[in-house]
Each structure stands twice: as structure tokens, then as C-alpha cells.
Amino acid sequence: MTAPPTTVVIEDDLDIRLLVTAVLEGAGYVVHAAASGLDGVELVRLHAPIVTTLDVSMPGIDGFETARRIRAFSDTRILMVSARADEAEQRAGREAGADDYLTKPFRPRELRQRVTDLARSVRG
């Protein structure tokens, strides 16, 4: 029996962090959550997640810088989650290392599907 896949959730808003965690745990993932970019980088370093969800607007280092720091040592798939929906933001996210971009508010089913699709792209 294989261990369930691991994810990291980096989100400063407690309600959204709890929602994302609940959705991913319900889909069978082990979830480690952080409220800041720096803490999230450390969780990625410690747990080597298959997928990391990452808020863009956070105090301290933002999601773009967090993604760049994660990319320096990890190939985790990154799903950026942001209230900003314009193309320039999405392009900046991809340039920073994001694999996908989901706009808030999002449907939990869509979040679960995006994470599952990213996880599958790792396996093969």
C-alpha cells in the first residue's frame, strides 16, 4: 500500500486555508499548511509535496517570491490561488514558477480537480 500524496497549502487567510485543507484532505491528500510564504517554503523543504497551493497576496514575501524560492530547490507542482484575475498576474505567476492559476472565489470541486490534474502530471 502506498502512502497518500502530500500537499502544502500556503495561504494567509485562515478561513481559506482551512477550506483548502479540508477539500484536499477529503480528496485523500496529506496536507501541511502555512500562513506565510517563509513558513510555506520550509514546509515544502521538509515534506517534498507533490502539489503546493500558493496564495499570491500575503504579507512579508508574496506568492511570486515564494514560488521563486520554492523553485530553487523543488519540482513540486504549484497552483497559485488569487483574487487577481488579469492576464498579467497569471503570466507573472507562471514566470515565477507556477504550473497553474486558480482565481478566487473558486469552487471546491474545481480546486480538487486542478490539484488532482497537477498530481497526475507528476506521476506520468
Protein backbone atom coordinates (compact mmCIF):
# COMPACT_ATOMS: atom_id res chain seq x y z
CA MET A 1 0.00 0.00 0.00
CA THR A 2 1.40 3.37 -0.98
CA ALA A 3 1.35 6.43 1.25
CA PRO A 4 -1.16 9.14 0.36
CA PRO A 5 0.29 12.04 -1.64
CA THR A 6 1.42 15.11 0.28
CA THR A 7 0.42 18.70 -0.41
CA VAL A 8 1.39 22.04 1.10
CA VAL A 9 -1.12 24.89 1.39
CA ILE A 10 0.32 28.40 1.73
CA GLU A 11 -2.46 30.88 2.49
CA ASP A 12 -2.55 33.76 4.97
CA ASP A 13 -6.37 33.89 5.25
CA LEU A 14 -7.35 31.36 7.93
CA ASP A 15 -10.82 30.61 6.50
CA ILE A 16 -9.46 29.93 3.02
CA ARG A 17 -6.55 27.91 4.42
CA LEU A 18 -8.98 25.73 6.37
CA LEU A 19 -11.25 25.33 3.33
CA VAL A 20 -8.39 24.31 1.02
CA THR A 21 -7.06 21.93 3.68
CA ALA A 22 -10.49 20.31 4.15
CA VAL A 23 -11.04 19.91 0.40
CA LEU A 24 -7.63 18.32 -0.15
CA GLU A 25 -7.84 16.05 2.90
CA GLY A 26 -11.28 14.96 1.69
CA ALA A 27 -9.66 14.03 -1.63
CA GLY A 28 -7.12 11.81 0.15
CA TYR A 29 -4.11 14.10 0.42
CA VAL A 30 -1.92 14.62 3.46
CA VAL A 31 -1.91 18.41 3.95
CA HIS A 32 0.63 20.65 5.66
CA ALA A 33 -0.49 24.29 5.90
CA ALA A 34 1.35 27.56 6.43
CA ALA A 35 0.15 31.14 6.91
CA SER A 36 3.19 32.82 5.34
CA GLY A 37 5.48 32.41 2.39
CA LEU A 38 8.58 31.79 4.51
CA ASP A 39 6.84 29.11 6.57
CA GLY A 40 5.49 27.56 3.37
CA VAL A 41 8.95 27.37 1.80
CA GLU A 42 10.13 25.45 4.87
CA LEU A 43 7.16 23.06 4.70
CA VAL A 44 7.96 22.32 1.06
CA ARG A 45 11.58 21.70 2.01
CA LEU A 46 10.55 19.34 4.86
CA HIS A 47 7.73 17.39 3.20
CA ALA A 48 8.53 17.35 -0.56
CA PRO A 49 4.86 17.72 -1.60
CA ILE A 50 3.56 16.57 -4.94
CA VAL A 51 1.47 19.79 -5.21
CA THR A 52 1.66 23.14 -3.42
CA THR A 53 -1.18 25.67 -3.42
CA LEU A 54 0.03 29.21 -3.04
CA ASP A 55 -1.80 32.47 -2.37
CA VAL A 56 -0.42 35.46 -4.27
CA SER A 57 -1.18 38.32 -1.85
CA MET A 58 0.45 37.63 1.50
CA PRO A 59 2.25 39.84 3.99
CA GLY A 60 6.02 39.52 4.00
CA ILE A 61 7.10 37.75 0.84
CA ASP A 62 4.32 37.48 -1.72
CA GLY A 63 3.36 34.41 -3.69
CA PHE A 64 5.60 35.26 -6.62
CA GLU A 65 8.71 35.42 -4.45
CA THR A 66 7.58 32.34 -2.53
CA ALA A 67 7.26 30.43 -5.83
CA ARG A 68 10.73 31.55 -6.93
CA ARG A 69 12.23 30.36 -3.64
CA ILE A 70 10.44 27.01 -3.87
CA ARG A 71 11.59 26.55 -7.48
CA ALA A 72 15.20 26.98 -6.36
CA PHE A 73 15.09 23.51 -4.74
CA SER A 74 11.79 21.74 -5.56
CA ASP A 75 9.84 20.47 -8.54
CA THR A 76 6.53 20.41 -6.63
CA ARG A 77 3.64 21.42 -8.87
CA ILE A 78 2.49 24.91 -7.86
CA LEU A 79 -1.13 26.05 -8.09
CA MET A 80 -1.36 29.79 -7.49
CA VAL A 81 -4.65 30.89 -5.97
CA SER A 82 -5.50 34.58 -6.18
CA ALA A 83 -8.33 37.08 -6.27
CA ARG A 84 -6.45 38.83 -9.08
CA ALA A 85 -7.77 37.54 -12.37
CA ASP A 86 -5.95 39.57 -15.01
CA GLU A 87 -3.63 38.01 -17.56
CA ALA A 88 -0.58 39.95 -16.39
CA GLU A 89 -0.91 38.42 -12.92
CA GLN A 90 -1.26 34.94 -14.35
CA ARG A 91 1.75 35.46 -16.60
CA ALA A 92 3.78 36.74 -13.63
CA GLY A 93 2.74 33.65 -11.67
CA ARG A 94 3.89 31.32 -14.42
CA GLU A 95 7.16 33.22 -14.81
CA ALA A 96 7.75 32.82 -11.06
CA GLY A 97 7.29 29.06 -11.39
CA ALA A 98 3.57 28.33 -11.10
CA ASP A 99 2.15 25.44 -13.11
CA ASP A 100 -1.49 26.59 -12.89
CA TYR A 101 -3.50 29.56 -11.65
CA LEU A 102 -6.92 29.49 -9.96
CA THR A 103 -8.95 32.64 -9.33
CA LYS A 104 -10.80 33.31 -6.05
CA PRO A 105 -13.55 32.76 -5.32
CA PHE A 106 -13.25 29.19 -6.51
CA ARG A 107 -15.49 26.14 -6.30
CA PRO A 108 -14.07 23.43 -4.03
CA ARG A 109 -14.68 20.84 -6.76
CA GLU A 110 -12.58 22.87 -9.21
CA LEU A 111 -9.74 23.21 -6.68
CA ARG A 112 -9.76 19.46 -6.08
CA GLN A 113 -9.72 18.74 -9.81
CA ARG A 114 -6.86 21.16 -10.51
CA VAL A 115 -4.74 19.65 -7.73
CA THR A 116 -5.54 16.12 -8.92
CA ASP A 117 -4.60 17.04 -12.51
CA LEU A 118 -1.30 18.53 -11.34
CA ALA A 119 -0.56 15.48 -9.20
CA ARG A 120 -1.25 13.17 -12.16
CA SER A 121 1.12 15.15 -14.35
CA VAL A 122 3.91 14.30 -11.90
CA ARG A 123 3.21 10.58 -11.93
CA GLY A 124 3.16 10.29 -15.50
